[in-house]
Amino acid sequence: MTAETDLRDLLQSGNPRDLRRRLTEIHPADVAEVIESIEPEDEIHLLTLMAMLDDKQLAHVLEELNPTDQLRVIEHMPHSRLQSVVQFVSVDELVDLLSLLDTTAVRMLLNVLPDRSTIQELMQYPETSAGGIMTTDFISFTGERQCGTALNVYRRLAGEVEAAYYIYVTDQGGHLTGVVTLRELVMADPSKTLSEIGRSDVVSVHSSEDQEQVSNVLRHYDFLAIPVVDDEQHLLGVITIDDVLDVIEQETSEDIHRMGGVEPSDEPYLQTSAWSFVRRRAVWLLALFAAQTITGNILDFFQEYIQAVVALAFFIPLLIDTGGNAGAQAASTVIRAMALGEVTLNDLRKVVWREMRSGIILGMMMAVAAFVQASWIGGSMMIGYTVGGALLIIVIMGSMLGACLPLIVSRFRLDPAAASAPVVTTLVDSTGLIVYFMVARWLLKL
């Protein structure tokens, strides 16, 4: 039996003693999962859980909840308890939490928080920047500190500090000068200074760096945490691996939404209203609908060709769908490579050359299949040559367009995922039809 199932059973049974005992044994993430599954008609279970959790436990559960359910829990808390609970929320999580509340609630909480100035400073950073996701809860010493003394202080502080993976070394002015791992500190001669054992080639990120770039840096170096600095290399905070995992989940969710032509949202699927779904999808659908009208205009312009050779109409869906699929495949491949930092706009020429070669090979394969099918259905080898030749060009064109568009979009600081399957497919539909009828005009002498 999983922890969540066990907790749900205890909620149903209504045994407060067993429920309270079990809550001390379950990880806050498991409690958060149960809260997120509680339906509005079972709100009494939410109130029961909140009553059974002490302030520190509830703070840790709040950190694990999605924004929608964080607000849901906060709405059921009296101000006095909320003021007590937020004292145990980590600084970086608290900044995110405050961003969900109205101005009155934020002012009320800031008045009772001991780190008020730090929190206000963190709230000035953009939400998706390194400064916006960093924590100021870390351990640092000046380089003159002896290792033995530093280790004793570390033992005292580590249990209360979120980012205790590394010990950061600074000068008297707070500039980052080195880093020491916990292993290095434990193994070092107690009489040596941190400057003597620390590494001076510290990898750091600027506070204005985008969170996605930060996640790429941590992934590249396999760090558990990375320091955040300003223009003068002052140590401002630390970003930990768990924060980056949240970023990866958020960025991946956004990319998946945009690649499907939907505006991103943090709301859980089953808790999202139908109107919210409509609002997030309608803009894209209307934009793509407007773009698709070009396809209708193209068909109208070439209607004489269709009337002259009716068989041409049979293969229009085959051509535009195959071209759109080729473009969507190329776009998805390049967007993934961009997300992993494997390609940038500077690699545009290499990407074009690679996709041209891939498109030619794929196009030839598809052209042979199309030639056989079109010759049989159309009753003429010339129809087969027309469809096969057009498909070859369309697949090459779709592959190159799908690969280049995300890179070009990134040049204007837009999300490359926005230039994904729906957009590429719409563009290939229009241009593919023009190619098809131009090939037909040339081969069939229309």
Foldseek 3Di string as FASTA:
>chain_A
DDLLVVLVVCLVVVDLVVNLVSLVVDQLLSVQVNLVPQDPVNCVSVVSVVVSDALLSVLRNLLNHFLVSNVVSVVPDDLVSVLVNVQNHFLLSVLVNLVSDDPVSNVSNLVSHPCNVLSVVLNVAPCQFQSNRFGAQEAEDEQQQFLLVSVVVLVVRVVPGDPYQKYFYDHPVQATQFIGGPVQSVPDDRRHTNNVRTDRPADAEERGHGLLVVLLVCVVVVDQKHFYAHPRRHTSGIHGPVSSVVVVVQVVQCLVQLQVQFHGDSDDPVPDDPVNRCVRRVVSVVVLVVLLVLLVVLCVVCVVVCVVQVLLVVCLCVQLVLLLVLLQVLLVVQLVCVSNVNDALVCLVVSLVVLLVVLQVVLQVVLVVQQVVQCVVSVHSLSSNLSSVLSSVSSSVSNSCSNNQLRVCVVVVDHSSNCHRSNSSSVSSNVSSVSSVVSCCVSVVD
